Amino acid sequence: MSYSQAETIKVGAGIRGIHLFFGLILFLVGIFFAKWASDTTRVRQFLSSFESFKVQSVDIKAEWPLEVQTVTSWLSGVKGQTLFLIDSKQLATGIQSKPWVESVAIKKSYPNRLQISLITKKPQALIIHKGQPWFVDPQGVLIERATPALLRGLELPFLSYEASQPKWQVGQVLHQYEKMKSASKNKFVVSQIVLGSYPYFKTFLSQPKIEVWWSLENWESQLQNLIALIDNPPSQIGQLRRINLVFPKKAIVSSSISH
């Protein structure tokens, strides 16, 4: 073996020794850090010490009827928290459990801002629940008790039952009502929907004031008959008060209204 070869072997062995030494150091540091990091309380205390990352402002975008002050009251513990320690998913779940909240979007804007945007549920009708009027959404799910302040400016139909009818599904009824409202092209306004023996129901129109009897099975084909009668009421009847559209391709009109 030549001298140069012997030197190369020694140098190679020395480098491997250095690598092993630093590898051992890194391994021990890793064990220490893992043990330290497993102490959640200690980690949170350490991260919380960064003052520049604590939430200074919360920007809220909310739709009617939610107000910024209301949403702010749900976030009393957020200001002052370290931004990267806030669990956005948990915070959104808490907000979404509140009345009127349909969906929530949360964005962290580093170093110290939180942005929250809310989309609210759209009330579709009013029903009586435990003796009080309540808003319901398009799926027929209760939103919140109706108050005069919330009702102001809204034109929602009142949904009621003539008797307990288990076959009726409120969500299905409201879906059909929306289709009816769209197809009618603002020819009339429904103030009340009364569900009778399935599949029959009544609507009370406020403009014009007419009571209409329907069947869920054929209301779409009968809708044009209603519009034709509103546009050109029969002169021999006098003031049109009630129209029975239950029977296919037939309309029974009357100048009296049921009680």
C-alpha atoms as a PDB file:
ATOM      1  CA  MET A   1       0.000   0.000   0.000  1.00  0.00           C
ATOM      2  CA  SER A   2       1.383   3.376  -0.971  1.00  0.00           C
ATOM      3  CA  TYR A   3       1.611   6.364   1.312  1.00  0.00           C
ATOM      4  CA  SER A   4      -1.093   8.276  -0.593  1.00  0.00           C
ATOM      5  CA  GLN A   5      -3.477   5.338  -0.334  1.00  0.00           C
ATOM      6  CA  ALA A   6      -2.919   5.129   3.412  1.00  0.00           C
ATOM      7  CA  GLU A   7      -3.594   8.861   3.769  1.00  0.00           C
ATOM      8  CA  THR A   8      -6.828   8.519   1.770  1.00  0.00           C
ATOM      9  CA  ILE A   9      -8.032   5.716   4.042  1.00  0.00           C
ATOM     10  CA  LYS A  10      -7.260   7.764   7.150  1.00  0.00           C
ATOM     11  CA  VAL A  11      -9.005  10.828   5.772  1.00  0.00           C
ATOM     12  CA  GLY A  12     -12.036   8.754   4.751  1.00  0.00           C
ATOM     13  CA  ALA A  13     -12.239   7.162   8.192  1.00  0.00           C
ATOM     14  CA  GLY A  14     -11.974  10.590   9.809  1.00  0.00           C
ATOM     15  CA  ILE A  15     -14.827  12.015   7.722  1.00  0.00           C
ATOM     16  CA  ARG A  16     -17.026   9.025   8.541  1.00  0.00           C
ATOM     17  CA  GLY A  17     -16.257   9.551  12.196  1.00  0.00           C
ATOM     18  CA  ILE A  18     -17.245  13.216  11.971  1.00  0.00           C
ATOM     19  CA  HIS A  19     -20.491  12.261  10.176  1.00  0.00           C
ATOM     20  CA  LEU A  20     -21.277   9.690  12.847  1.00  0.00           C
ATOM     21  CA  PHE A  21     -20.582  12.210  15.591  1.00  0.00           C
ATOM     22  CA  PHE A  22     -22.843  14.890  14.128  1.00  0.00           C
ATOM     23  CA  GLY A  23     -25.460  12.268  13.291  1.00  0.00           C
ATOM     24  CA  LEU A  24     -25.484  11.213  16.941  1.00  0.00           C
ATOM     25  CA  ILE A  25     -25.801  14.838  18.037  1.00  0.00           C
ATOM     26  CA  LEU A  26     -28.743  15.415  15.672  1.00  0.00           C
ATOM     27  CA  PHE A  27     -30.379  12.192  16.853  1.00  0.00           C
ATOM     28  CA  LEU A  28     -30.122  13.246  20.485  1.00  0.00           C
ATOM     29  CA  VAL A  29     -31.395  16.742  19.666  1.00  0.00           C
ATOM     30  CA  GLY A  30     -34.311  15.185  17.756  1.00  0.00           C
ATOM     31  CA  ILE A  31     -35.222  13.002  20.753  1.00  0.00           C
ATOM     32  CA  PHE A  32     -35.064  16.031  23.046  1.00  0.00           C
ATOM     33  CA  PHE A  33     -37.186  18.160  20.700  1.00  0.00           C
ATOM     34  CA  ALA A  34     -39.751  15.371  20.196  1.00  0.00           C
ATOM     35  CA  LYS A  35     -40.053  14.945  23.946  1.00  0.00           C
ATOM     36  CA  TRP A  36     -40.366  18.708  24.406  1.00  0.00           C
ATOM     37  CA  ALA A  37     -42.905  19.022  21.560  1.00  0.00           C
ATOM     38  CA  SER A  38     -45.048  16.247  23.054  1.00  0.00           C
ATOM     39  CA  ASP A  39     -45.803  18.584  25.932  1.00  0.00           C
ATOM     40  CA  THR A  40     -48.673  20.452  24.237  1.00  0.00           C
ATOM     41  CA  THR A  41     -49.051  23.007  26.987  1.00  0.00           C
ATOM     42  CA  ARG A  42     -45.382  23.940  26.824  1.00  0.00           C
ATOM     43  CA  VAL A  43     -45.485  24.260  23.022  1.00  0.00           C
ATOM     44  CA  ARG A  44     -48.581  26.475  23.114  1.00  0.00           C
ATOM     45  CA  GLN A  45     -47.011  28.659  25.790  1.00  0.00           C
ATOM     46  CA  PHE A  46     -43.892  29.012  23.660  1.00  0.00           C
ATOM     47  CA  LEU A  47     -45.827  29.900  20.486  1.00  0.00           C
ATOM     48  CA  SER A  48     -48.076  32.279  22.413  1.00  0.00           C
ATOM     49  CA  SER A  49     -45.059  34.329  23.379  1.00  0.00           C
ATOM     50  CA  PHE A  50     -44.846  35.804  19.860  1.00  0.00           C
ATOM     51  CA  GLU A  51     -46.702  39.077  20.368  1.00  0.00           C
ATOM     52  CA  SER A  52     -46.616  40.086  16.685  1.00  0.00           C
ATOM     53  CA  PHE A  53     -48.734  37.016  15.756  1.00  0.00           C
ATOM     54  CA  LYS A  54     -51.556  37.708  18.197  1.00  0.00           C
ATOM     55  CA  VAL A  55     -54.890  38.612  16.576  1.00  0.00           C
ATOM     56  CA  GLN A  56     -55.326  42.372  16.518  1.00  0.00           C
ATOM     57  CA  SER A  57     -58.340  42.665  14.205  1.00  0.00           C
ATOM     58  CA  VAL A  58     -61.194  40.442  12.996  1.00  0.00           C
ATOM     59  CA  ASP A  59     -62.797  41.456   9.687  1.00  0.00           C
ATOM     60  CA  ILE A  60     -66.379  40.176   9.395  1.00  0.00           C
ATOM     61  CA  LYS A  61     -68.636  40.066   6.335  1.00  0.00           C
ATOM     62  CA  ALA A  62     -72.217  39.074   7.145  1.00  0.00           C
ATOM     63  CA  GLU A  63     -75.539  39.065   5.291  1.00  0.00           C
ATOM     64  CA  TRP A  64     -79.021  39.968   6.506  1.00  0.00           C
ATOM     65  CA  PRO A  65     -80.274  39.397   9.156  1.00  0.00           C
ATOM     66  CA  LEU A  66     -76.918  38.846  10.856  1.00  0.00           C
ATOM     67  CA  GLU A  67     -75.086  41.961  11.954  1.00  0.00           C
ATOM     68  CA  VAL A  68     -71.368  42.388  12.511  1.00  0.00           C
ATOM     69  CA  GLN A  69     -71.949  43.115  16.222  1.00  0.00           C
ATOM     70  CA  THR A  70     -73.826  39.816  16.608  1.00  0.00           C
ATOM     71  CA  VAL A  71     -71.059  37.784  14.983  1.00  0.00           C
ATOM     72  CA  THR A  72     -68.446  39.653  17.020  1.00  0.00           C
ATOM     73  CA  SER A  73     -70.214  38.585  20.223  1.00  0.00           C
ATOM     74  CA  TRP A  74     -69.642  34.937  19.201  1.00  0.00           C
ATOM     75  CA  LEU A  75     -65.874  35.551  18.977  1.00  0.00           C
ATOM     76  CA  SER A  76     -65.137  36.921  22.421  1.00  0.00           C
ATOM     77  CA  GLY A  77     -62.122  34.652  22.946  1.00  0.00           C
ATOM     78  CA  VAL A  78     -60.489  35.107  19.545  1.00  0.00           C
ATOM     79  CA  LYS A  79     -58.843  38.509  19.886  1.00  0.00           C
ATOM     80  CA  GLY A  80     -55.487  38.217  21.546  1.00  0.00           C
ATOM     81  CA  GLN A  81     -54.986  34.578  20.547  1.00  0.00           C
ATOM     82  CA  THR A  82     -51.908  33.643  18.538  1.00  0.00           C
ATOM     83  CA  LEU A  83     -53.066  33.417  14.919  1.00  0.00           C
ATOM     84  CA  PHE A  84     -51.371  30.144  14.007  1.00  0.00           C
ATOM     85  CA  LEU A  85     -52.809  28.450  17.116  1.00  0.00           C
ATOM     86  CA  ILE A  86     -56.420  29.147  16.089  1.00  0.00           C
ATOM     87  CA  ASP A  87     -58.207  26.041  14.805  1.00  0.00           C
ATOM     88  CA  SER A  88     -60.122  27.438  11.800  1.00  0.00           C
ATOM     89  CA  LYS A  89     -62.224  24.287  11.384  1.00  0.00           C
ATOM     90  CA  GLN A  90     -63.309  24.261  15.028  1.00  0.00           C
ATOM     91  CA  LEU A  91     -64.062  27.991  14.944  1.00  0.00           C
ATOM     92  CA  ALA A  92     -66.152  27.619  11.761  1.00  0.00           C
ATOM     93  CA  THR A  93     -68.106  24.697  13.261  1.00  0.00           C
ATOM     94  CA  GLY A  94     -68.995  26.816  16.285  1.00  0.00           C
ATOM     95  CA  ILE A  95     -70.187  29.724  14.148  1.00  0.00           C
ATOM     96  CA  GLN A  96     -72.160  27.470  11.794  1.00  0.00           C
ATOM     97  CA  SER A  97     -74.170  26.101  14.722  1.00  0.00           C
ATOM     98  CA  LYS A  98     -75.755  29.543  15.200  1.00  0.00           C
ATOM     99  CA  PRO A  99     -79.203  30.437  13.777  1.00  0.00           C
ATOM    100  CA  TRP A 100     -79.238  31.807  10.211  1.00  0.00           C
ATOM    101  CA  VAL A 101     -75.690  30.687   9.367  1.00  0.00           C
ATOM    102  CA  GLU A 102     -75.567  28.629   6.168  1.00  0.00           C
ATOM    103  CA  SER A 103     -71.795  28.535   5.625  1.00  0.00           C
ATOM    104  CA  VAL A 104     -68.613  30.097   6.987  1.00  0.00           C
ATOM    105  CA  ALA A 105     -65.269  30.907   5.365  1.00  0.00           C
ATOM    106  CA  ILE A 106     -62.285  31.741   7.587  1.00  0.00           C
ATOM    107  CA  LYS A 107     -58.984  33.096   6.342  1.00  0.00           C
ATOM    108  CA  LYS A 108     -55.869  33.849   8.355  1.00  0.00           C
ATOM    109  CA  SER A 109     -54.080  36.981   7.174  1.00  0.00           C
ATOM    110  CA  TYR A 110     -50.642  36.974   8.773  1.00  0.00           C
ATOM    111  CA  PRO A 111     -49.292  38.314  10.958  1.00  0.00           C
ATOM    112  CA  ASN A 112     -52.345  39.285  13.045  1.00  0.00           C
ATOM    113  CA  ARG A 113     -55.643  39.529  11.099  1.00  0.00           C
ATOM    114  CA  LEU A 114     -58.541  37.087  10.855  1.00  0.00           C
ATOM    115  CA  GLN A 115     -61.123  37.331   8.072  1.00  0.00           C
ATOM    116  CA  ILE A 116     -64.555  35.725   8.493  1.00  0.00           C
ATOM    117  CA  SER A 117     -67.236  35.665   5.793  1.00  0.00           C
ATOM    118  CA  LEU A 118     -70.742  34.294   6.411  1.00  0.00           C
ATOM    119  CA  ILE A 119     -73.549  33.283   4.052  1.00  0.00           C
ATOM    120  CA  THR A 120     -76.973  33.202   5.694  1.00  0.00           C
ATOM    121  CA  LYS A 121     -79.951  30.921   5.225  1.00  0.00           C
ATOM    122  CA  LYS A 122     -82.764  32.257   3.049  1.00  0.00           C
ATOM    123  CA  PRO A 123     -86.194  32.115   4.739  1.00  0.00           C
ATOM    124  CA  GLN A 124     -88.769  30.489   2.498  1.00  0.00           C
ATOM    125  CA  ALA A 125     -91.940  30.486   4.587  1.00  0.00           C
ATOM    126  CA  LEU A 126     -93.431  30.841   8.053  1.00  0.00           C
ATOM    127  CA  ILE A 127     -94.879  28.002  10.127  1.00  0.00           C
ATOM    128  CA  ILE A 128     -96.255  27.697  13.637  1.00  0.00           C
ATOM    129  CA  HIS A 129     -93.883  25.863  15.982  1.00  0.00           C
ATOM    130  CA  LYS A 130     -94.800  25.487  19.657  1.00  0.00           C
ATOM    131  CA  GLY A 131     -97.388  28.201  19.298  1.00  0.00           C
ATOM    132  CA  GLN A 132     -94.973  30.726  17.739  1.00  0.00           C
ATOM    133  CA  PRO A 133     -94.282  31.718  14.123  1.00  0.00           C
ATOM    134  CA  TRP A 134     -90.906  30.481  12.866  1.00  0.00           C
ATOM    135  CA  PHE A 135     -88.915  30.966   9.692  1.00  0.00           C
ATOM    136  CA  VAL A 136     -88.088  27.827   7.707  1.00  0.00           C
ATOM    137  CA  ASP A 137     -85.415  27.424   5.032  1.00  0.00           C
ATOM    138  CA  PRO A 138     -85.948  25.870   1.550  1.00  0.00           C
ATOM    139  CA  GLN A 139     -85.525  22.381   3.042  1.00  0.00           C
ATOM    140  CA  GLY A 140     -88.243  23.040   5.597  1.00  0.00           C
ATOM    141  CA  VAL A 141     -85.792  23.230   8.516  1.00  0.00           C
ATOM    142  CA  LEU A 142     -86.543  25.690  11.314  1.00  0.00           C
ATOM    143  CA  ILE A 143     -84.280  28.744  11.362  1.00  0.00           C
ATOM    144  CA  GLU A 144     -85.434  31.057  14.134  1.00  0.00           C
ATOM    145  CA  ARG A 145     -88.576  32.484  15.717  1.00  0.00           C
ATOM    146  CA  ALA A 146     -90.070  35.276  13.624  1.00  0.00           C
ATOM    147  CA  THR A 147     -90.222  38.741  15.161  1.00  0.00           C
ATOM    148  CA  PRO A 148     -91.894  41.905  13.810  1.00  0.00           C
ATOM    149  CA  ALA A 149     -88.470  43.426  13.126  1.00  0.00           C
ATOM    150  CA  LEU A 150     -87.342  40.435  11.056  1.00  0.00           C
ATOM    151  CA  LEU A 151     -90.666  40.203   9.211  1.00  0.00           C
ATOM    152  CA  ARG A 152     -90.518  43.825   8.078  1.00  0.00           C
ATOM    153  CA  GLY A 153     -90.128  44.007   4.314  1.00  0.00           C
ATOM    154  CA  LEU A 154     -90.504  40.260   3.726  1.00  0.00           C
ATOM    155  CA  GLU A 155     -93.259  38.626   1.681  1.00  0.00           C
ATOM    156  CA  LEU A 156     -93.297  35.031   2.858  1.00  0.00           C
ATOM    157  CA  PRO A 157     -96.204  32.590   2.647  1.00  0.00           C
ATOM    158  CA  PHE A 158     -97.629  31.179   5.855  1.00  0.00           C
ATOM    159  CA  LEU A 159     -97.625  27.370   5.778  1.00  0.00           C
ATOM    160  CA  SER A 160    -100.203  25.465   7.840  1.00  0.00           C
ATOM    161  CA  TYR A 161    -102.014  22.112   8.035  1.00  0.00           C
ATOM    162  CA  GLU A 162    -105.746  21.456   8.102  1.00  0.00           C
ATOM    163  CA  ALA A 163    -104.935  18.294  10.064  1.00  0.00           C
ATOM    164  CA  SER A 164    -101.914  16.156  10.841  1.00  0.00           C
ATOM    165  CA  GLN A 165    -100.760  14.801   7.501  1.00  0.00           C
ATOM    166  CA  PRO A 166     -97.595  12.665   7.794  1.00  0.00           C
ATOM    167  CA  LYS A 167     -97.234  12.303   4.005  1.00  0.00           C
ATOM    168  CA  TRP A 168     -96.473  15.983   3.515  1.00  0.00           C
ATOM    169  CA  GLN A 169     -92.815  16.992   3.444  1.00  0.00           C
ATOM    170  CA  VAL A 170     -92.299  20.703   4.022  1.00  0.00           C
ATOM    171  CA  GLY A 171     -89.155  20.800   1.890  1.00  0.00           C
ATOM    172  CA  GLN A 172     -91.021  19.250  -1.055  1.00  0.00           C
ATOM    173  CA  VAL A 173     -93.917  21.697  -0.661  1.00  0.00           C
ATOM    174  CA  LEU A 174     -91.575  24.697  -0.630  1.00  0.00           C
ATOM    175  CA  HIS A 175     -89.741  23.381  -3.679  1.00  0.00           C
ATOM    176  CA  GLN A 176     -93.037  23.144  -5.567  1.00  0.00           C
ATOM    177  CA  TYR A 177     -94.011  26.604  -4.340  1.00  0.00           C
ATOM    178  CA  GLU A 178     -90.798  28.086  -5.743  1.00  0.00           C
ATOM    179  CA  LYS A 179     -91.498  26.414  -9.085  1.00  0.00           C
ATOM    180  CA  MET A 180     -95.038  27.817  -9.024  1.00  0.00           C
ATOM    181  CA  LYS A 181     -93.803  31.320  -8.185  1.00  0.00           C
ATOM    182  CA  SER A 182     -91.253  31.212 -11.010  1.00  0.00           C
ATOM    183  CA  ALA A 183     -93.686  29.800 -13.595  1.00  0.00           C
ATOM    184  CA  SER A 184     -96.407  32.337 -12.703  1.00  0.00           C
ATOM    185  CA  LYS A 185     -94.127  35.259 -13.654  1.00  0.00           C
ATOM    186  CA  ASN A 186     -95.454  37.481 -10.848  1.00  0.00           C
ATOM    187  CA  LYS A 187     -99.082  37.130 -11.882  1.00  0.00           C
ATOM    188  CA  PHE A 188    -100.044  36.584  -8.250  1.00  0.00           C
ATOM    189  CA  VAL A 189     -98.676  36.598  -4.687  1.00  0.00           C
ATOM    190  CA  VAL A 190     -99.306  33.685  -2.307  1.00  0.00           C
ATOM    191  CA  SER A 191     -99.960  34.720   1.286  1.00  0.00           C
ATOM    192  CA  GLN A 192    -100.837  31.299   2.732  1.00  0.00           C
ATOM    193  CA  ILE A 193    -100.467  27.618   1.843  1.00  0.00           C
ATOM    194  CA  VAL A 194    -102.800  25.169   3.594  1.00  0.00           C
ATOM    195  CA  LEU A 195    -101.985  21.477   3.347  1.00  0.00           C
ATOM    196  CA  GLY A 196    -105.040  19.234   3.390  1.00  0.00           C
ATOM    197  CA  SER A 197    -105.422  15.515   2.741  1.00  0.00           C
ATOM    198  CA  TYR A 198    -102.450  14.537   0.605  1.00  0.00           C
ATOM    199  CA  PRO A 199    -102.023  15.439  -2.273  1.00  0.00           C
ATOM    200  CA  TYR A 200    -104.534  18.325  -2.024  1.00  0.00           C
ATOM    201  CA  PHE A 201    -103.649  21.812  -0.834  1.00  0.00           C
ATOM    202  CA  LYS A 202    -104.936  25.372  -0.983  1.00  0.00           C
ATOM    203  CA  THR A 203    -103.256  28.675  -1.627  1.00  0.00           C
ATOM    204  CA  PHE A 204    -104.645  32.043  -0.600  1.00  0.00           C
ATOM    205  CA  LEU A 205    -103.570  34.774  -2.982  1.00  0.00           C
ATOM    206  CA  SER A 206    -103.172  38.305  -1.692  1.00  0.00           C
ATOM    207  CA  GLN A 207    -102.887  39.874  -5.136  1.00  0.00           C
ATOM    208  CA  PRO A 208    -105.567  39.218  -6.369  1.00  0.00           C
ATOM    209  CA  LYS A 209    -107.500  37.938  -3.342  1.00  0.00           C
ATOM    210  CA  ILE A 210    -108.477  34.456  -4.496  1.00  0.00           C
ATOM    211  CA  GLU A 211    -108.557  31.053  -2.800  1.00  0.00           C
ATOM    212  CA  VAL A 212    -107.215  28.307  -5.073  1.00  0.00           C
ATOM    213  CA  TRP A 213    -107.538  24.554  -4.562  1.00  0.00           C
ATOM    214  CA  TRP A 214    -104.821  22.384  -6.065  1.00  0.00           C
ATOM    215  CA  SER A 215    -103.577  18.839  -6.377  1.00  0.00           C
ATOM    216  CA  LEU A 216     -99.853  18.210  -6.080  1.00  0.00           C
ATOM    217  CA  GLU A 217    -100.231  15.764  -8.971  1.00  0.00           C
ATOM    218  CA  ASN A 218    -101.404  18.238 -11.610  1.00  0.00           C
ATOM    219  CA  TRP A 219    -100.819  21.800 -10.377  1.00  0.00           C
ATOM    220  CA  GLU A 220     -98.254  22.506 -13.111  1.00  0.00           C
ATOM    221  CA  SER A 221    -100.694  21.771 -15.933  1.00  0.00           C
ATOM    222  CA  GLN A 222    -103.432  23.726 -14.133  1.00  0.00           C
ATOM    223  CA  LEU A 223    -101.310  26.803 -13.495  1.00  0.00           C
ATOM    224  CA  GLN A 224    -102.007  28.239 -16.951  1.00  0.00           C
ATOM    225  CA  ASN A 225    -105.756  27.909 -16.292  1.00  0.00           C
ATOM    226  CA  LEU A 226    -105.344  30.000 -13.145  1.00  0.00           C
ATOM    227  CA  ILE A 227    -103.391  32.683 -15.000  1.00  0.00           C
ATOM    228  CA  ALA A 228    -106.008  32.756 -17.770  1.00  0.00           C
ATOM    229  CA  LEU A 229    -108.810  33.200 -15.218  1.00  0.00           C
ATOM    230  CA  ILE A 230    -106.936  35.980 -13.430  1.00  0.00           C
ATOM    231  CA  ASP A 231    -106.329  37.795 -16.714  1.00  0.00           C
ATOM    232  CA  ASN A 232    -109.867  37.241 -18.040  1.00  0.00           C
ATOM    233  CA  PRO A 233    -112.306  36.429 -15.218  1.00  0.00           C
ATOM    234  CA  PRO A 234    -115.760  35.199 -16.403  1.00  0.00           C
ATOM    235  CA  SER A 235    -118.176  38.157 -16.354  1.00  0.00           C
ATOM    236  CA  GLN A 236    -121.163  36.105 -15.206  1.00  0.00           C
ATOM    237  CA  ILE A 237    -119.440  35.124 -11.935  1.00  0.00           C
ATOM    238  CA  GLY A 238    -118.795  38.613 -10.667  1.00  0.00           C
ATOM    239  CA  GLN A 239    -115.785  39.113  -8.437  1.00  0.00           C
ATOM    240  CA  LEU A 240    -113.716  35.920  -8.569  1.00  0.00           C
ATOM    241  CA  ARG A 241    -113.118  34.513  -5.065  1.00  0.00           C
ATOM    242  CA  ARG A 242    -112.430  30.798  -5.344  1.00  0.00           C
ATOM    243  CA  ILE A 243    -111.054  28.488  -8.035  1.00  0.00           C
ATOM    244  CA  ASN A 244    -110.977  24.707  -7.743  1.00  0.00           C
ATOM    245  CA  LEU A 245    -108.198  23.259  -9.922  1.00  0.00           C
ATOM    246  CA  VAL A 246    -108.079  19.830  -8.298  1.00  0.00           C
ATOM    247  CA  PHE A 247    -109.596  18.006 -11.269  1.00  0.00           C
ATOM    248  CA  PRO A 248    -107.416  17.630 -14.393  1.00  0.00           C
ATOM    249  CA  LYS A 249    -108.178  20.053 -17.258  1.00  0.00           C
ATOM    250  CA  LYS A 250    -111.078  21.553 -15.336  1.00  0.00           C
ATOM    251  CA  ALA A 251    -111.608  24.734 -13.324  1.00  0.00           C
ATOM    252  CA  ILE A 252    -114.549  25.337 -11.002  1.00  0.00           C
ATOM    253  CA  VAL A 253    -114.935  29.009 -10.175  1.00  0.00           C
ATOM    254  CA  SER A 254    -116.991  30.683  -7.470  1.00  0.00           C
ATOM    255  CA  SER A 255    -117.640  34.180  -6.118  1.00  0.00           C
ATOM    256  CA  SER A 256    -117.582  32.928  -2.499  1.00  0.00           C
ATOM    257  CA  ILE A 257    -114.610  32.002  -0.353  1.00  0.00           C
ATOM    258  CA  SER A 258    -114.448  29.063   2.104  1.00  0.00           C
ATOM    259  CA  HIS A 259    -114.405  29.593   5.842  1.00  0.00           C
END
